[in-house]
Amino acid sequence: MYTLYTRPNCGLCEEAKSALTLLQEDYPIDFREINIEEDEQLHEQYMLMIPVLTKQEKVLLYGNFGYGELLEALIL
């Protein structure tokens, strides 16, 4: 299970979520979305990096990433 850390009104977050959803059409990828503004510790940790994609607390991608970067990091 992957975790996508986001916050409201974040254009890059919406793009990352859309790319993950698109990738799910071709690959069996499960992810959950967590709003960092609901947790002070997560906000401090990721506020300058979001969106952040992790697996088992390891950061895989952050910032400006899309379908190609996701495909390379998660599938290839």
N, C-alpha and C. Protein backbone atom coordinates (compact mmCIF):
# COMPACT_ATOMS: atom_id res chain seq x y z
N MET A 1 0.85 -1.18 0.00
CA MET A 1 0.00 0.00 0.00
C MET A 1 0.89 1.24 0.00
N TYR A 2 0.60 2.13 -0.91
CA TYR A 2 1.31 3.40 -1.01
C TYR A 2 0.51 4.47 -0.28
N THR A 3 1.21 5.49 0.18
CA THR A 3 0.56 6.62 0.84
C THR A 3 0.93 7.89 0.09
N LEU A 4 -0.09 8.67 -0.25
CA LEU A 4 0.11 9.95 -0.91
C LEU A 4 -0.24 11.05 0.08
N TYR A 5 0.76 11.81 0.49
CA TYR A 5 0.55 12.92 1.42
C TYR A 5 0.26 14.17 0.60
N THR A 6 -0.84 14.82 0.94
CA THR A 6 -1.30 15.99 0.20
C THR A 6 -1.81 17.04 1.17
N ARG A 7 -2.31 18.13 0.60
CA ARG A 7 -3.05 19.13 1.38
C ARG A 7 -4.05 19.79 0.43
N PRO A 8 -5.07 20.42 0.99
CA PRO A 8 -6.08 21.07 0.14
C PRO A 8 -5.48 22.22 -0.68
N ASN A 9 -6.10 22.49 -1.81
CA ASN A 9 -5.71 23.60 -2.68
C ASN A 9 -4.27 23.49 -3.16
N CYS A 10 -3.85 22.28 -3.46
CA CYS A 10 -2.49 22.01 -3.92
C CYS A 10 -2.58 21.43 -5.33
N GLY A 11 -2.22 22.23 -6.31
CA GLY A 11 -2.29 21.79 -7.70
C GLY A 11 -1.42 20.58 -7.99
N LEU A 12 -0.20 20.58 -7.46
CA LEU A 12 0.69 19.43 -7.67
C LEU A 12 0.11 18.16 -7.04
N CYS A 13 -0.57 18.33 -5.91
CA CYS A 13 -1.19 17.18 -5.24
C CYS A 13 -2.28 16.58 -6.10
N GLU A 14 -3.09 17.43 -6.70
CA GLU A 14 -4.17 16.96 -7.58
C GLU A 14 -3.59 16.24 -8.80
N GLU A 15 -2.51 16.78 -9.35
CA GLU A 15 -1.87 16.15 -10.50
C GLU A 15 -1.31 14.78 -10.12
N ALA A 16 -0.68 14.68 -8.97
CA ALA A 16 -0.12 13.40 -8.52
C ALA A 16 -1.22 12.38 -8.29
N LYS A 17 -2.31 12.81 -7.67
CA LYS A 17 -3.43 11.90 -7.42
C LYS A 17 -4.04 11.43 -8.74
N SER A 18 -4.18 12.32 -9.69
CA SER A 18 -4.72 11.95 -11.00
C SER A 18 -3.81 10.96 -11.71
N ALA A 19 -2.51 11.17 -11.62
CA ALA A 19 -1.56 10.26 -12.25
C ALA A 19 -1.61 8.88 -11.60
N LEU A 20 -1.73 8.84 -10.28
CA LEU A 20 -1.85 7.55 -9.58
C LEU A 20 -3.13 6.83 -9.98
N THR A 21 -4.21 7.57 -10.07
CA THR A 21 -5.49 6.99 -10.47
C THR A 21 -5.41 6.45 -11.89
N LEU A 22 -4.75 7.16 -12.77
CA LEU A 22 -4.57 6.71 -14.14
C LEU A 22 -3.71 5.44 -14.18
N LEU A 23 -2.66 5.40 -13.38
CA LEU A 23 -1.79 4.23 -13.32
C LEU A 23 -2.56 3.00 -12.82
N GLN A 24 -3.52 3.22 -11.93
CA GLN A 24 -4.34 2.12 -11.40
C GLN A 24 -5.16 1.43 -12.49
N GLU A 25 -5.43 2.11 -13.58
CA GLU A 25 -6.19 1.50 -14.66
C GLU A 25 -5.43 0.37 -15.32
N ASP A 26 -4.10 0.42 -15.28
CA ASP A 26 -3.26 -0.59 -15.92
C ASP A 26 -2.50 -1.49 -14.96
N TYR A 27 -2.36 -1.06 -13.71
CA TYR A 27 -1.56 -1.82 -12.74
C TYR A 27 -2.30 -1.89 -11.41
N PRO A 28 -2.13 -3.00 -10.67
CA PRO A 28 -2.81 -3.16 -9.38
C PRO A 28 -2.10 -2.38 -8.26
N ILE A 29 -2.35 -1.10 -8.21
CA ILE A 29 -1.71 -0.24 -7.21
C ILE A 29 -2.77 0.29 -6.25
N ASP A 30 -2.53 0.09 -4.97
CA ASP A 30 -3.43 0.64 -3.95
C ASP A 30 -2.72 1.79 -3.26
N PHE A 31 -3.46 2.88 -3.07
CA PHE A 31 -2.88 3.99 -2.31
C PHE A 31 -3.97 4.65 -1.47
N ARG A 32 -3.51 5.27 -0.42
CA ARG A 32 -4.41 6.07 0.41
C ARG A 32 -3.86 7.49 0.41
N GLU A 33 -4.77 8.42 0.56
CA GLU A 33 -4.40 9.83 0.58
C GLU A 33 -4.54 10.36 1.99
N ILE A 34 -3.53 11.08 2.45
CA ILE A 34 -3.55 11.67 3.79
C ILE A 34 -3.29 13.16 3.68
N ASN A 35 -4.17 13.94 4.29
CA ASN A 35 -4.05 15.39 4.34
C ASN A 35 -3.09 15.76 5.47
N ILE A 36 -1.94 16.33 5.13
CA ILE A 36 -0.95 16.65 6.15
C ILE A 36 -1.40 17.75 7.09
N GLU A 37 -2.40 18.52 6.69
CA GLU A 37 -2.87 19.60 7.55
C GLU A 37 -3.70 19.09 8.73
N GLU A 38 -4.03 17.81 8.72
CA GLU A 38 -4.79 17.23 9.82
C GLU A 38 -3.88 16.63 10.89
N ASP A 39 -2.57 16.70 10.68
CA ASP A 39 -1.60 16.13 11.63
C ASP A 39 -0.39 17.06 11.69
N GLU A 40 -0.16 17.65 12.83
CA GLU A 40 0.91 18.64 12.98
C GLU A 40 2.28 18.07 12.65
N GLN A 41 2.54 16.85 13.08
CA GLN A 41 3.84 16.22 12.81
C GLN A 41 4.05 15.99 11.32
N LEU A 42 3.02 15.49 10.63
CA LEU A 42 3.12 15.29 9.19
C LEU A 42 3.27 16.61 8.46
N HIS A 43 2.58 17.63 8.94
CA HIS A 43 2.69 18.95 8.34
C HIS A 43 4.13 19.46 8.42
N GLU A 44 4.73 19.35 9.59
CA GLU A 44 6.12 19.78 9.77
C GLU A 44 7.06 18.97 8.88
N GLN A 45 6.81 17.68 8.79
CA GLN A 45 7.69 16.79 8.05
C GLN A 45 7.64 17.01 6.54
N TYR A 46 6.43 17.22 6.00
CA TYR A 46 6.25 17.23 4.55
C TYR A 46 5.80 18.55 3.94
N MET A 47 5.64 19.60 4.72
CA MET A 47 5.02 20.83 4.20
C MET A 47 5.76 21.43 3.00
N LEU A 48 7.06 21.26 2.92
CA LEU A 48 7.81 21.83 1.80
C LEU A 48 8.04 20.83 0.67
N MET A 49 7.54 19.61 0.83
CA MET A 49 7.80 18.55 -0.14
C MET A 49 6.57 18.10 -0.92
N ILE A 50 5.37 18.36 -0.42
CA ILE A 50 4.18 17.73 -0.99
C ILE A 50 3.97 18.05 -2.45
N PRO A 51 3.35 17.15 -3.17
CA PRO A 51 2.88 15.84 -2.72
C PRO A 51 4.06 14.90 -2.47
N VAL A 52 3.85 13.96 -1.55
CA VAL A 52 4.87 12.98 -1.21
C VAL A 52 4.25 11.60 -1.31
N LEU A 53 4.91 10.71 -2.03
CA LEU A 53 4.45 9.33 -2.15
C LEU A 53 5.43 8.45 -1.39
N THR A 54 4.88 7.64 -0.48
CA THR A 54 5.72 6.75 0.31
C THR A 54 5.21 5.32 0.23
N LYS A 55 6.10 4.40 0.58
CA LYS A 55 5.72 3.01 0.80
C LYS A 55 6.47 2.56 2.03
N GLN A 56 5.74 2.09 3.02
CA GLN A 56 6.32 1.67 4.29
C GLN A 56 7.23 2.77 4.86
N GLU A 57 6.73 4.00 4.82
CA GLU A 57 7.38 5.19 5.37
C GLU A 57 8.64 5.62 4.62
N LYS A 58 8.96 4.98 3.51
CA LYS A 58 10.10 5.38 2.69
C LYS A 58 9.59 6.29 1.58
N VAL A 59 10.18 7.48 1.46
CA VAL A 59 9.78 8.43 0.42
C VAL A 59 10.27 7.91 -0.93
N LEU A 60 9.31 7.75 -1.85
CA LEU A 60 9.62 7.30 -3.21
C LEU A 60 9.69 8.47 -4.18
N LEU A 61 8.73 9.37 -4.09
CA LEU A 61 8.66 10.55 -4.96
C LEU A 61 8.10 11.71 -4.16
N TYR A 62 8.50 12.92 -4.55
CA TYR A 62 7.91 14.11 -3.94
C TYR A 62 8.02 15.28 -4.89
N GLY A 63 7.19 16.28 -4.64
CA GLY A 63 7.20 17.48 -5.47
C GLY A 63 6.45 17.27 -6.77
N ASN A 64 7.04 17.72 -7.84
CA ASN A 64 6.39 17.69 -9.15
C ASN A 64 6.68 16.36 -9.85
N PHE A 65 5.74 15.42 -9.77
CA PHE A 65 5.90 14.15 -10.46
C PHE A 65 4.58 13.77 -11.13
N GLY A 66 4.71 13.01 -12.20
CA GLY A 66 3.53 12.62 -12.96
C GLY A 66 3.55 11.15 -13.31
N TYR A 67 2.78 10.80 -14.33
CA TYR A 67 2.61 9.40 -14.72
C TYR A 67 3.94 8.72 -15.04
N GLY A 68 4.79 9.37 -15.80
CA GLY A 68 6.07 8.78 -16.19
C GLY A 68 6.96 8.46 -15.01
N GLU A 69 7.07 9.39 -14.09
CA GLU A 69 7.88 9.17 -12.89
C GLU A 69 7.28 8.07 -12.02
N LEU A 70 5.96 8.06 -11.92
CA LEU A 70 5.29 7.00 -11.15
C LEU A 70 5.54 5.63 -11.77
N LEU A 71 5.39 5.54 -13.07
CA LEU A 71 5.61 4.28 -13.76
C LEU A 71 7.03 3.78 -13.52
N GLU A 72 7.99 4.66 -13.63
CA GLU A 72 9.39 4.28 -13.43
C GLU A 72 9.67 3.86 -11.98
N ALA A 73 9.13 4.59 -11.03
CA ALA A 73 9.40 4.32 -9.62
C ALA A 73 8.65 3.10 -9.08
N LEU A 74 7.44 2.87 -9.57
CA LEU A 74 6.60 1.83 -8.98
C LEU A 74 6.54 0.55 -9.79
N ILE A 75 6.71 0.63 -11.09
CA ILE A 75 6.50 -0.53 -11.94
C ILE A 75 7.79 -1.04 -12.56
N LEU A 76 8.57 -0.17 -13.13
CA LEU A 76 9.76 -0.61 -13.88
C LEU A 76 10.95 -0.89 -12.99
